[in-house]
Amino acid sequence: MLVIAGHITMDETKREEGIRAASKMMAATRQEAGCVSYTISADVDAPGRFHIFEEWESPEALDAHFAAPHMAEFQKAMGGFGIREMAVQRYEISSVGPIRP
């Protein structure tokens, strides 16, 4: 399993536009084969910050996601949001279990 996690900081005056774009992106992505979970959430304390958390079944599923038309549309929209920082990492997970075994 792959986990993608991090944050994007953008012009806070674009927050509502960012929420609309993220909602559209989440709806489309959650329908993709191999997508376990996909969430973009607006930070309640930092108006220009959005957190990203994704789970993918395989590298191939993630590659297909990057090639999807809705990804290109989302990236184009992000170009107008005044991105100031993007810190997103890929994690390869070998096991998953409860917080307290």
PDB file of N, CA and C in Angstrom:
ATOM      1  N   MET A   1       0.844  -1.174   0.000  1.00  0.00           N
ATOM      2  CA  MET A   1       0.000   0.000   0.000  1.00  0.00           C
ATOM      3  C   MET A   1       0.889   1.236   0.000  1.00  0.00           C
ATOM      4  N   LEU A   2       0.412   2.266  -0.674  1.00  0.00           N
ATOM      5  CA  LEU A   2       1.095   3.556  -0.696  1.00  0.00           C
ATOM      6  C   LEU A   2       0.243   4.583   0.039  1.00  0.00           C
ATOM      7  N   VAL A   3       0.895   5.444   0.782  1.00  0.00           N
ATOM      8  CA  VAL A   3       0.233   6.576   1.419  1.00  0.00           C
ATOM      9  C   VAL A   3       0.899   7.840   0.893  1.00  0.00           C
ATOM     10  N   ILE A   4       0.086   8.790   0.500  1.00  0.00           N
ATOM     11  CA  ILE A   4       0.549  10.112   0.090  1.00  0.00           C
ATOM     12  C   ILE A   4       0.013  11.071   1.148  1.00  0.00           C
ATOM     13  N   ALA A   5       0.891  11.851   1.754  1.00  0.00           N
ATOM     14  CA  ALA A   5       0.457  12.756   2.816  1.00  0.00           C
ATOM     15  C   ALA A   5       1.295  14.027   2.799  1.00  0.00           C
ATOM     16  N   GLY A   6       0.645  15.127   3.146  1.00  0.00           N
ATOM     17  CA  GLY A   6       1.366  16.391   3.220  1.00  0.00           C
ATOM     18  C   GLY A   6       0.406  17.562   3.220  1.00  0.00           C
ATOM     19  N   HIS A   7       0.921  18.696   2.779  1.00  0.00           N
ATOM     20  CA  HIS A   7       0.085  19.900   2.754  1.00  0.00           C
ATOM     21  C   HIS A   7       0.486  20.820   1.613  1.00  0.00           C
ATOM     22  N   ILE A   8      -0.448  21.670   1.265  1.00  0.00           N
ATOM     23  CA  ILE A   8      -0.237  22.722   0.273  1.00  0.00           C
ATOM     24  C   ILE A   8      -0.658  24.026   0.937  1.00  0.00           C
ATOM     25  N   THR A   9       0.167  25.054   0.791  1.00  0.00           N
ATOM     26  CA  THR A   9      -0.188  26.377   1.297  1.00  0.00           C
ATOM     27  C   THR A   9      -0.340  27.297   0.093  1.00  0.00           C
ATOM     28  N   MET A  10      -1.469  28.002   0.065  1.00  0.00           N
ATOM     29  CA  MET A  10      -1.783  28.864  -1.068  1.00  0.00           C
ATOM     30  C   MET A  10      -2.300  30.211  -0.580  1.00  0.00           C
ATOM     31  N   ASP A  11      -2.563  31.099  -1.499  1.00  0.00           N
ATOM     32  CA  ASP A  11      -3.127  32.405  -1.182  1.00  0.00           C
ATOM     33  C   ASP A  11      -4.453  32.190  -0.444  1.00  0.00           C
ATOM     34  N   GLU A  12      -4.538  32.680   0.772  1.00  0.00           N
ATOM     35  CA  GLU A  12      -5.730  32.432   1.585  1.00  0.00           C
ATOM     36  C   GLU A  12      -6.992  33.064   1.010  1.00  0.00           C
ATOM     37  N   THR A  13      -6.851  34.060   0.137  1.00  0.00           N
ATOM     38  CA  THR A  13      -8.043  34.650  -0.496  1.00  0.00           C
ATOM     39  C   THR A  13      -8.654  33.698  -1.524  1.00  0.00           C
ATOM     40  N   LYS A  14      -7.947  32.635  -1.868  1.00  0.00           N
ATOM     41  CA  LYS A  14      -8.424  31.629  -2.836  1.00  0.00           C
ATOM     42  C   LYS A  14      -8.993  30.392  -2.139  1.00  0.00           C
ATOM     43  N   ARG A  15      -9.166  30.466  -0.821  1.00  0.00           N
ATOM     44  CA  ARG A  15      -9.603  29.304  -0.032  1.00  0.00           C
ATOM     45  C   ARG A  15     -10.895  28.666  -0.565  1.00  0.00           C
ATOM     46  N   GLU A  16     -11.925  29.457  -0.811  1.00  0.00           N
ATOM     47  CA  GLU A  16     -13.207  28.898  -1.269  1.00  0.00           C
ATOM     48  C   GLU A  16     -13.067  28.246  -2.639  1.00  0.00           C
ATOM     49  N   GLU A  17     -12.292  28.862  -3.529  1.00  0.00           N
ATOM     50  CA  GLU A  17     -12.036  28.246  -4.831  1.00  0.00           C
ATOM     51  C   GLU A  17     -11.290  26.923  -4.650  1.00  0.00           C
ATOM     52  N   GLY A  18     -10.345  26.910  -3.717  1.00  0.00           N
ATOM     53  CA  GLY A  18      -9.587  25.691  -3.424  1.00  0.00           C
ATOM     54  C   GLY A  18     -10.484  24.585  -2.897  1.00  0.00           C
ATOM     55  N   ILE A  19     -11.424  24.944  -2.038  1.00  0.00           N
ATOM     56  CA  ILE A  19     -12.366  23.958  -1.499  1.00  0.00           C
ATOM     57  C   ILE A  19     -13.225  23.374  -2.619  1.00  0.00           C
ATOM     58  N   ARG A  20     -13.702  24.220  -3.509  1.00  0.00           N
ATOM     59  CA  ARG A  20     -14.518  23.718  -4.626  1.00  0.00           C
ATOM     60  C   ARG A  20     -13.715  22.786  -5.532  1.00  0.00           C
ATOM     61  N   ALA A  21     -12.483  23.179  -5.851  1.00  0.00           N
ATOM     62  CA  ALA A  21     -11.638  22.337  -6.706  1.00  0.00           C
ATOM     63  C   ALA A  21     -11.303  21.022  -6.014  1.00  0.00           C
ATOM     64  N   ALA A  22     -11.020  21.084  -4.709  1.00  0.00           N
ATOM     65  CA  ALA A  22     -10.689  19.870  -3.950  1.00  0.00           C
ATOM     66  C   ALA A  22     -11.880  18.928  -3.888  1.00  0.00           C
ATOM     67  N   SER A  23     -13.081  19.463  -3.691  1.00  0.00           N
ATOM     68  CA  SER A  23     -14.285  18.632  -3.627  1.00  0.00           C
ATOM     69  C   SER A  23     -14.508  17.893  -4.942  1.00  0.00           C
ATOM     70  N   LYS A  24     -14.335  18.597  -6.033  1.00  0.00           N
ATOM     71  CA  LYS A  24     -14.486  17.985  -7.359  1.00  0.00           C
ATOM     72  C   LYS A  24     -13.426  16.901  -7.577  1.00  0.00           C
ATOM     73  N   MET A  25     -12.194  17.211  -7.191  1.00  0.00           N
ATOM     74  CA  MET A  25     -11.095  16.263  -7.341  1.00  0.00           C
ATOM     75  C   MET A  25     -11.327  15.014  -6.499  1.00  0.00           C
ATOM     76  N   MET A  26     -11.759  15.190  -5.257  1.00  0.00           N
ATOM     77  CA  MET A  26     -12.000  14.044  -4.382  1.00  0.00           C
ATOM     78  C   MET A  26     -13.082  13.138  -4.954  1.00  0.00           C
ATOM     79  N   ALA A  27     -14.172  13.714  -5.424  1.00  0.00           N
ATOM     80  CA  ALA A  27     -15.280  12.909  -5.953  1.00  0.00           C
ATOM     81  C   ALA A  27     -14.814  12.058  -7.126  1.00  0.00           C
ATOM     82  N   ALA A  28     -14.054  12.642  -8.036  1.00  0.00           N
ATOM     83  CA  ALA A  28     -13.573  11.893  -9.205  1.00  0.00           C
ATOM     84  C   ALA A  28     -12.536  10.845  -8.811  1.00  0.00           C
ATOM     85  N   THR A  29     -11.603  11.219  -7.957  1.00  0.00           N
ATOM     86  CA  THR A  29     -10.516  10.316  -7.580  1.00  0.00           C
ATOM     87  C   THR A  29     -11.023   9.112  -6.803  1.00  0.00           C
ATOM     88  N   ARG A  30     -11.990   9.317  -5.945  1.00  0.00           N
ATOM     89  CA  ARG A  30     -12.519   8.211  -5.140  1.00  0.00           C
ATOM     90  C   ARG A  30     -13.172   7.124  -5.988  1.00  0.00           C
ATOM     91  N   GLN A  31     -13.449   7.420  -7.252  1.00  0.00           N
ATOM     92  CA  GLN A  31     -14.020   6.430  -8.169  1.00  0.00           C
ATOM     93  C   GLN A  31     -12.939   5.626  -8.899  1.00  0.00           C
ATOM     94  N   GLU A  32     -11.689   6.020  -8.759  1.00  0.00           N
ATOM     95  CA  GLU A  32     -10.603   5.358  -9.483  1.00  0.00           C
ATOM     96  C   GLU A  32     -10.296   3.978  -8.918  1.00  0.00           C
ATOM     97  N   ALA A  33      -9.968   3.061  -9.823  1.00  0.00           N
ATOM     98  CA  ALA A  33      -9.518   1.730  -9.399  1.00  0.00           C
ATOM     99  C   ALA A  33      -8.244   1.884  -8.579  1.00  0.00           C
ATOM    100  N   GLY A  34      -8.172   1.189  -7.457  1.00  0.00           N
ATOM    101  CA  GLY A  34      -6.980   1.210  -6.625  1.00  0.00           C
ATOM    102  C   GLY A  34      -6.927   2.311  -5.595  1.00  0.00           C
ATOM    103  N   CYS A  35      -7.906   3.211  -5.598  1.00  0.00           N
ATOM    104  CA  CYS A  35      -7.960   4.272  -4.591  1.00  0.00           C
ATOM    105  C   CYS A  35      -8.643   3.717  -3.348  1.00  0.00           C
ATOM    106  N   VAL A  36      -7.921   3.676  -2.244  1.00  0.00           N
ATOM    107  CA  VAL A  36      -8.477   3.211  -0.968  1.00  0.00           C
ATOM    108  C   VAL A  36      -9.129   4.383  -0.242  1.00  0.00           C
ATOM    109  N   SER A  37      -8.434   5.522  -0.194  1.00  0.00           N
ATOM    110  CA  SER A  37      -9.000   6.739   0.386  1.00  0.00           C
ATOM    111  C   SER A  37      -8.305   7.946  -0.233  1.00  0.00           C
ATOM    112  N   TYR A  38      -9.023   9.072  -0.249  1.00  0.00           N
ATOM    113  CA  TYR A  38      -8.487  10.280  -0.856  1.00  0.00           C
ATOM    114  C   TYR A  38      -9.179  11.475  -0.214  1.00  0.00           C
ATOM    115  N   THR A  39      -8.418  12.262   0.530  1.00  0.00           N
ATOM    116  CA  THR A  39      -8.996  13.414   1.218  1.00  0.00           C
ATOM    117  C   THR A  39      -8.084  14.630   1.101  1.00  0.00           C
ATOM    118  N   ILE A  40      -8.681  15.735   0.730  1.00  0.00           N
ATOM    119  CA  ILE A  40      -8.032  17.042   0.778  1.00  0.00           C
ATOM    120  C   ILE A  40      -8.879  17.854   1.745  1.00  0.00           C
ATOM    121  N   SER A  41      -8.269  18.338   2.823  1.00  0.00           N
ATOM    122  CA  SER A  41      -9.056  19.057   3.830  1.00  0.00           C
ATOM    123  C   SER A  41      -8.449  20.427   4.113  1.00  0.00           C
ATOM    124  N   ALA A  42      -9.335  21.404   4.260  1.00  0.00           N
ATOM    125  CA  ALA A  42      -8.916  22.761   4.580  1.00  0.00           C
ATOM    126  C   ALA A  42      -8.552  22.841   6.060  1.00  0.00           C
ATOM    127  N   ASP A  43      -7.425  23.448   6.361  1.00  0.00           N
ATOM    128  CA  ASP A  43      -6.961  23.619   7.738  1.00  0.00           C
ATOM    129  C   ASP A  43      -7.839  24.657   8.436  1.00  0.00           C
ATOM    130  N   VAL A  44      -8.335  24.347   9.617  1.00  0.00           N
ATOM    131  CA  VAL A  44      -9.219  25.283  10.332  1.00  0.00           C
ATOM    132  C   VAL A  44      -8.455  26.455  10.955  1.00  0.00           C
ATOM    133  N   ASP A  45      -7.146  26.319  11.157  1.00  0.00           N
ATOM    134  CA  ASP A  45      -6.357  27.385  11.772  1.00  0.00           C
ATOM    135  C   ASP A  45      -5.569  28.229  10.768  1.00  0.00           C
ATOM    136  N   ALA A  46      -5.299  27.679   9.604  1.00  0.00           N
ATOM    137  CA  ALA A  46      -4.510  28.386   8.593  1.00  0.00           C
ATOM    138  C   ALA A  46      -5.329  28.437   7.301  1.00  0.00           C
ATOM    139  N   PRO A  47      -5.977  29.550   7.007  1.00  0.00           N
ATOM    140  CA  PRO A  47      -6.907  29.628   5.873  1.00  0.00           C
ATOM    141  C   PRO A  47      -6.332  29.237   4.514  1.00  0.00           C
ATOM    142  N   GLY A  48      -5.041  29.384   4.311  1.00  0.00           N
ATOM    143  CA  GLY A  48      -4.441  29.041   3.022  1.00  0.00           C
ATOM    144  C   GLY A  48      -3.832  27.651   2.963  1.00  0.00           C
ATOM    145  N   ARG A  49      -4.016  26.871   4.004  1.00  0.00           N
ATOM    146  CA  ARG A  49      -3.379  25.546   4.043  1.00  0.00           C
ATOM    147  C   ARG A  49      -4.406  24.437   3.858  1.00  0.00           C
ATOM    148  N   PHE A  50      -4.059  23.475   3.017  1.00  0.00           N
ATOM    149  CA  PHE A  50      -4.868  22.284   2.777  1.00  0.00           C
ATOM    150  C   PHE A  50      -4.012  21.057   3.050  1.00  0.00           C
ATOM    151  N   HIS A  51      -4.599  20.074   3.722  1.00  0.00           N
ATOM    152  CA  HIS A  51      -3.904  18.827   4.025  1.00  0.00           C
ATOM    153  C   HIS A  51      -4.363  17.748   3.045  1.00  0.00           C
ATOM    154  N   ILE A  52      -3.424  16.897   2.677  1.00  0.00           N
ATOM    155  CA  ILE A  52      -3.686  15.823   1.722  1.00  0.00           C
ATOM    156  C   ILE A  52      -3.397  14.494   2.389  1.00  0.00           C
ATOM    157  N   PHE A  53      -4.320  13.550   2.231  1.00  0.00           N
ATOM    158  CA  PHE A  53      -4.084  12.186   2.699  1.00  0.00           C
ATOM    159  C   PHE A  53      -4.713  11.231   1.695  1.00  0.00           C
ATOM    160  N   GLU A  54      -3.889  10.346   1.150  1.00  0.00           N
ATOM    161  CA  GLU A  54      -4.344   9.390   0.147  1.00  0.00           C
ATOM    162  C   GLU A  54      -3.799   8.010   0.488  1.00  0.00           C
ATOM    163  N   GLU A  55      -4.568   6.977   0.142  1.00  0.00           N
ATOM    164  CA  GLU A  55      -4.103   5.594   0.242  1.00  0.00           C
ATOM    165  C   GLU A  55      -4.374   4.923  -1.104  1.00  0.00           C
ATOM    166  N   TRP A  56      -3.351   4.238  -1.616  1.00  0.00           N
ATOM    167  CA  TRP A  56      -3.441   3.572  -2.914  1.00  0.00           C
ATOM    168  C   TRP A  56      -3.021   2.117  -2.777  1.00  0.00           C
ATOM    169  N   GLU A  57      -3.702   1.252  -3.518  1.00  0.00           N
ATOM    170  CA  GLU A  57      -3.395  -0.178  -3.476  1.00  0.00           C
ATOM    171  C   GLU A  57      -2.046  -0.521  -4.086  1.00  0.00           C
ATOM    172  N   SER A  58      -1.611   0.276  -5.074  1.00  0.00           N
ATOM    173  CA  SER A  58      -0.376  -0.071  -5.785  1.00  0.00           C
ATOM    174  C   SER A  58       0.229   1.157  -6.457  1.00  0.00           C
ATOM    175  N   PRO A  59       1.519   1.056  -6.829  1.00  0.00           N
ATOM    176  CA  PRO A  59       2.138   2.145  -7.590  1.00  0.00           C
ATOM    177  C   PRO A  59       1.448   2.358  -8.939  1.00  0.00           C
ATOM    178  N   GLU A  60       0.958   1.282  -9.540  1.00  0.00           N
ATOM    179  CA  GLU A  60       0.275   1.403 -10.829  1.00  0.00           C
ATOM    180  C   GLU A  60      -1.011   2.214 -10.703  1.00  0.00           C
ATOM    181  N   ALA A  61      -1.740   2.001  -9.610  1.00  0.00           N
ATOM    182  CA  ALA A  61      -2.969   2.773  -9.383  1.00  0.00           C
ATOM    183  C   ALA A  61      -2.639   4.251  -9.215  1.00  0.00           C
ATOM    184  N   LEU A  62      -1.564   4.549  -8.501  1.00  0.00           N
ATOM    185  CA  LEU A  62      -1.158   5.939  -8.315  1.00  0.00           C
ATOM    186  C   LEU A  62      -0.717   6.551  -9.642  1.00  0.00           C
ATOM    187  N   ASP A  63       0.022   5.798 -10.442  1.00  0.00           N
ATOM    188  CA  ASP A  63       0.440   6.290 -11.761  1.00  0.00           C
ATOM    189  C   ASP A  63      -0.767   6.619 -12.634  1.00  0.00           C
ATOM    190  N   ALA A  64      -1.778   5.743 -12.599  1.00  0.00           N
ATOM    191  CA  ALA A  64      -2.994   5.987 -13.382  1.00  0.00           C
ATOM    192  C   ALA A  64      -3.693   7.253 -12.892  1.00  0.00           C
ATOM    193  N   HIS A  65      -3.681   7.470 -11.592  1.00  0.00           N
ATOM    194  CA  HIS A  65      -4.275   8.683 -11.021  1.00  0.00           C
ATOM    195  C   HIS A  65      -3.583   9.934 -11.569  1.00  0.00           C
ATOM    196  N   PHE A  66      -2.254   9.908 -11.611  1.00  0.00           N
ATOM    197  CA  PHE A  66      -1.521  11.069 -12.117  1.00  0.00           C
ATOM    198  C   PHE A  66      -1.815  11.340 -13.590  1.00  0.00           C
ATOM    199  N   ALA A  67      -2.224  10.304 -14.324  1.00  0.00           N
ATOM    200  CA  ALA A  67      -2.525  10.448 -15.747  1.00  0.00           C
ATOM    201  C   ALA A  67      -4.001  10.753 -16.020  1.00  0.00           C
ATOM    202  N   ALA A  68      -4.832  10.776 -14.984  1.00  0.00           N
ATOM    203  CA  ALA A  68      -6.274  10.983 -15.149  1.00  0.00           C
ATOM    204  C   ALA A  68      -6.593  12.421 -15.575  1.00  0.00           C
ATOM    205  N   PRO A  69      -7.604  12.590 -16.424  1.00  0.00           N
ATOM    206  CA  PRO A  69      -7.988  13.941 -16.870  1.00  0.00           C
ATOM    207  C   PRO A  69      -8.348  14.880 -15.715  1.00  0.00           C
ATOM    208  N   HIS A  70      -8.983  14.364 -14.666  1.00  0.00           N
ATOM    209  CA  HIS A  70      -9.348  15.255 -13.554  1.00  0.00           C
ATOM    210  C   HIS A  70      -8.115  15.732 -12.790  1.00  0.00           C
ATOM    211  N   MET A  71      -7.023  14.974 -12.834  1.00  0.00           N
ATOM    212  CA  MET A  71      -5.770  15.431 -12.214  1.00  0.00           C
ATOM    213  C   MET A  71      -5.208  16.613 -13.003  1.00  0.00           C
ATOM    214  N   ALA A  72      -5.225  16.515 -14.321  1.00  0.00           N
ATOM    215  CA  ALA A  72      -4.733  17.626 -15.152  1.00  0.00           C
ATOM    216  C   ALA A  72      -5.584  18.876 -14.927  1.00  0.00           C
ATOM    217  N   GLU A  73      -6.894  18.694 -14.815  1.00  0.00           N
ATOM    218  CA  GLU A  73      -7.796  19.820 -14.566  1.00  0.00           C
ATOM    219  C   GLU A  73      -7.520  20.461 -13.201  1.00  0.00           C
ATOM    220  N   PHE A  74      -7.295  19.622 -12.192  1.00  0.00           N
ATOM    221  CA  PHE A  74      -7.008  20.113 -10.848  1.00  0.00           C
ATOM    222  C   PHE A  74      -5.676  20.874 -10.815  1.00  0.00           C
ATOM    223  N   GLN A  75      -4.663  20.327 -11.464  1.00  0.00           N
ATOM    224  CA  GLN A  75      -3.356  20.993 -11.489  1.00  0.00           C
ATOM    225  C   GLN A  75      -3.438  22.332 -12.210  1.00  0.00           C
ATOM    226  N   LYS A  76      -4.228  22.391 -13.260  1.00  0.00           N
ATOM    227  CA  LYS A  76      -4.418  23.661 -13.972  1.00  0.00           C
ATOM    228  C   LYS A  76      -5.081  24.683 -13.050  1.00  0.00           C
ATOM    229  N   ALA A  77      -6.111  24.261 -12.320  1.00  0.00           N
ATOM    230  CA  ALA A  77      -6.788  25.161 -11.381  1.00  0.00           C
ATOM    231  C   ALA A  77      -5.827  25.647 -10.309  1.00  0.00           C
ATOM    232  N   MET A  78      -4.987  24.747  -9.802  1.00  0.00           N
ATOM    233  CA  MET A  78      -4.033  25.110  -8.749  1.00  0.00           C
ATOM    234  C   MET A  78      -3.072  26.202  -9.203  1.00  0.00           C
ATOM    235  N   GLY A  79      -2.823  26.278 -10.491  1.00  0.00           N
ATOM    236  CA  GLY A  79      -1.942  27.316 -11.020  1.00  0.00           C
ATOM    237  C   GLY A  79      -2.441  28.719 -10.725  1.00  0.00           C
ATOM    238  N   GLY A  80      -3.735  28.878 -10.480  1.00  0.00           N
ATOM    239  CA  GLY A  80      -4.305  30.188 -10.181  1.00  0.00           C
ATOM    240  C   GLY A  80      -4.537  30.434  -8.703  1.00  0.00           C
ATOM    241  N   PHE A  81      -4.056  29.534  -7.850  1.00  0.00           N
ATOM    242  CA  PHE A  81      -4.308  29.657  -6.416  1.00  0.00           C
ATOM    243  C   PHE A  81      -3.160  30.283  -5.639  1.00  0.00           C
ATOM    244  N   GLY A  82      -2.111  30.711  -6.312  1.00  0.00           N
ATOM    245  CA  GLY A  82      -0.989  31.336  -5.612  1.00  0.00           C
ATOM    246  C   GLY A  82      -0.306  30.387  -4.649  1.00  0.00           C
ATOM    247  N   ILE A  83       0.083  29.221  -5.138  1.00  0.00           N
ATOM    248  CA  ILE A  83       0.733  28.213  -4.295  1.00  0.00           C
ATOM    249  C   ILE A  83       2.029  28.792  -3.722  1.00  0.00           C
ATOM    250  N   ARG A  84       2.163  28.733  -2.397  1.00  0.00           N
ATOM    251  CA  ARG A  84       3.345  29.247  -1.698  1.00  0.00           C
ATOM    252  C   ARG A  84       4.254  28.133  -1.216  1.00  0.00           C
ATOM    253  N   GLU A  85       3.662  26.983  -0.937  1.00  0.00           N
ATOM    254  CA  GLU A  85       4.439  25.844  -0.440  1.00  0.00           C
ATOM    255  C   GLU A  85       3.685  24.568  -0.772  1.00  0.00           C
ATOM    256  N   MET A  86       4.446  23.538  -1.114  1.00  0.00           N
ATOM    257  CA  MET A  86       3.864  22.223  -1.329  1.00  0.00           C
ATOM    258  C   MET A  86       4.831  21.211  -0.737  1.00  0.00           C
ATOM    259  N   ALA A  87       4.381  20.523   0.306  1.00  0.00           N
ATOM    260  CA  ALA A  87       5.206  19.514   0.975  1.00  0.00           C
ATOM    261  C   ALA A  87       4.384  18.234   1.055  1.00  0.00           C
ATOM    262  N   VAL A  88       4.561  17.367   0.073  1.00  0.00           N
ATOM    263  CA  VAL A  88       3.797  16.134  -0.027  1.00  0.00           C
ATOM    264  C   VAL A  88       4.781  14.986  -0.221  1.00  0.00           C
ATOM    265  N   GLN A  89       4.601  13.930   0.562  1.00  0.00           N
ATOM    266  CA  GLN A  89       5.506  12.785   0.536  1.00  0.00           C
ATOM    267  C   GLN A  89       4.765  11.503   0.191  1.00  0.00           C
ATOM    268  N   ARG A  90       5.505  10.546  -0.362  1.00  0.00           N
ATOM    269  CA  ARG A  90       4.988   9.212  -0.659  1.00  0.00           C
ATOM    270  C   ARG A  90       5.604   8.239   0.337  1.00  0.00           C
ATOM    271  N   TYR A  91       4.752   7.425   0.942  1.00  0.00           N
ATOM    272  CA  TYR A  91       5.193   6.422   1.907  1.00  0.00           C
ATOM    273  C   TYR A  91       4.772   5.041   1.407  1.00  0.00           C
ATOM    274  N   GLU A  92       5.684   4.092   1.449  1.00  0.00           N
ATOM    275  CA  GLU A  92       5.370   2.720   1.080  1.00  0.00           C
ATOM    276  C   GLU A  92       5.168   1.945   2.377  1.00  0.00           C
ATOM    277  N   ILE A  93       3.974   1.413   2.571  1.00  0.00           N
ATOM    278  CA  ILE A  93       3.567   0.794   3.816  1.00  0.00           C
ATOM    279  C   ILE A  93       3.643  -0.735   3.690  1.00  0.00           C
ATOM    280  N   SER A  94       4.334  -1.371   4.610  1.00  0.00           N
ATOM    281  CA  SER A  94       4.446  -2.831   4.562  1.00  0.00           C
ATOM    282  C   SER A  94       3.417  -3.524   5.441  1.00  0.00           C
ATOM    283  N   SER A  95       2.875  -2.828   6.444  1.00  0.00           N
ATOM    284  CA  SER A  95       1.817  -3.423   7.265  1.00  0.00           C
ATOM    285  C   SER A  95       0.962  -2.307   7.851  1.00  0.00           C
ATOM    286  N   VAL A  96      -0.273  -2.679   8.167  1.00  0.00           N
ATOM    287  CA  VAL A  96      -1.233  -1.744   8.735  1.00  0.00           C
ATOM    288  C   VAL A  96      -1.982  -2.478   9.856  1.00  0.00           C
ATOM    289  N   GLY A  97      -2.224  -1.802  10.952  1.00  0.00           N
ATOM    290  CA  GLY A  97      -2.957  -2.408  12.048  1.00  0.00           C
ATOM    291  C   GLY A  97      -3.538  -1.345  12.948  1.00  0.00           C
ATOM    292  N   PRO A  98      -4.232  -1.770  13.972  1.00  0.00           N
ATOM    293  CA  PRO A  98      -4.850  -0.820  14.897  1.00  0.00           C
ATOM    294  C   PRO A  98      -3.797  -0.025  15.669  1.00  0.00           C
ATOM    295  N   ILE A  99      -4.194   1.143  16.151  1.00  0.00           N
ATOM    296  CA  ILE A  99      -3.287   1.984  16.934  1.00  0.00           C
ATOM    297  C   ILE A  99      -2.816   1.255  18.173  1.00  0.00           C
ATOM    298  N   ARG A 100      -3.739   0.589  18.839  1.00  0.00           N
ATOM    299  CA  ARG A 100      -3.400  -0.178  20.035  1.00  0.00           C
ATOM    300  C   ARG A 100      -3.686  -1.656  19.771  1.00  0.00           C
ATOM    301  N   PRO A 101      -2.619  -2.440  19.631  1.00  0.00           N
ATOM    302  CA  PRO A 101      -2.820  -3.869  19.329  1.00  0.00           C
ATOM    303  C   PRO A 101      -3.514  -4.625  20.452  1.00  0.00           C
TER     304      PRO A 101
END
